Amino acid sequence: MWFLFLLLGALASLVGLALCFRGLQFMRYLLPVLGFLLGFMPGFWGALQSDGGLLVLLVGG
């Protein structure tokens, strides 16, 4: 499940970069932060709660 959040995070970052080129400066900073939170935090919590926690943390985080 964590990889879906990682994918969403990467997508949000890409959208943020695309909007940066369209001149929306505030979205340039907002979306990569949202992307980081969407991608990293579920991977981190999944790592803490799973048996192979460190591997999930390294791959998903």
Protein backbone atom coordinates (compact mmCIF):
# COMPACT_ATOMS: atom_id res chain seq x y z
CA MET A 1 0.00 0.00 0.00
CA TRP A 2 2.87 2.39 0.76
CA PHE A 3 4.00 2.39 -2.88
CA LEU A 4 0.70 3.98 -3.92
CA PHE A 5 1.42 6.90 -1.61
CA LEU A 6 4.97 7.08 -2.93
CA LEU A 7 3.59 7.23 -6.48
CA LEU A 8 1.13 9.96 -5.49
CA GLY A 9 3.95 11.88 -3.88
CA ALA A 10 6.09 11.70 -7.00
CA LEU A 11 3.12 12.78 -9.11
CA ALA A 12 2.43 15.76 -6.87
CA SER A 13 6.08 16.81 -7.13
CA LEU A 14 6.00 16.56 -10.93
CA VAL A 15 2.80 18.60 -11.05
CA GLY A 16 4.49 21.15 -8.79
CA LEU A 17 7.43 21.43 -11.18
CA ALA A 18 5.10 21.77 -14.16
CA LEU A 19 3.13 24.53 -12.45
CA CYS A 20 6.40 26.25 -11.60
CA PHE A 21 7.05 26.69 -15.31
CA ARG A 22 3.55 28.11 -15.76
CA GLY A 23 4.29 30.91 -13.31
CA LEU A 24 2.32 29.78 -10.26
CA GLN A 25 5.03 30.43 -7.72
CA PHE A 26 3.14 29.43 -4.58
CA MET A 27 2.26 26.00 -5.99
CA ARG A 28 5.92 25.49 -6.74
CA TYR A 29 6.67 25.25 -3.04
CA LEU A 30 3.39 23.76 -1.82
CA LEU A 31 3.12 20.68 -4.01
CA PRO A 32 6.60 19.22 -3.49
CA VAL A 33 6.05 19.49 0.27
CA LEU A 34 2.71 17.72 -0.07
CA GLY A 35 4.38 15.17 -2.30
CA PHE A 36 7.03 14.54 0.31
CA LEU A 37 4.44 14.05 3.03
CA LEU A 38 2.31 11.77 0.86
CA GLY A 39 5.28 9.72 -0.20
CA PHE A 40 7.45 9.54 2.90
CA MET A 41 5.16 9.46 5.92
CA PRO A 42 3.09 6.35 5.01
CA GLY A 43 6.30 4.55 4.09
CA PHE A 44 7.81 5.52 7.43
CA TRP A 45 4.81 4.37 9.48
CA GLY A 46 4.54 1.20 7.41
CA ALA A 47 8.18 0.49 8.20
CA LEU A 48 7.57 0.86 11.91
CA GLN A 49 4.58 -1.47 11.88
CA SER A 50 5.79 -4.21 9.56
CA ASP A 51 8.04 -7.22 10.16
CA GLY A 52 10.57 -6.29 7.47
CA GLY A 53 10.41 -2.72 8.66
CA LEU A 54 13.84 -1.48 7.65
CA LEU A 55 13.50 -2.71 4.07
CA VAL A 56 10.11 -1.01 3.69
CA LEU A 57 11.57 2.16 5.17
CA LEU A 58 14.49 2.16 2.75
CA VAL A 59 12.35 1.42 -0.30
CA GLY A 60 9.18 3.29 0.64
CA GLY A 61 10.75 6.22 2.41
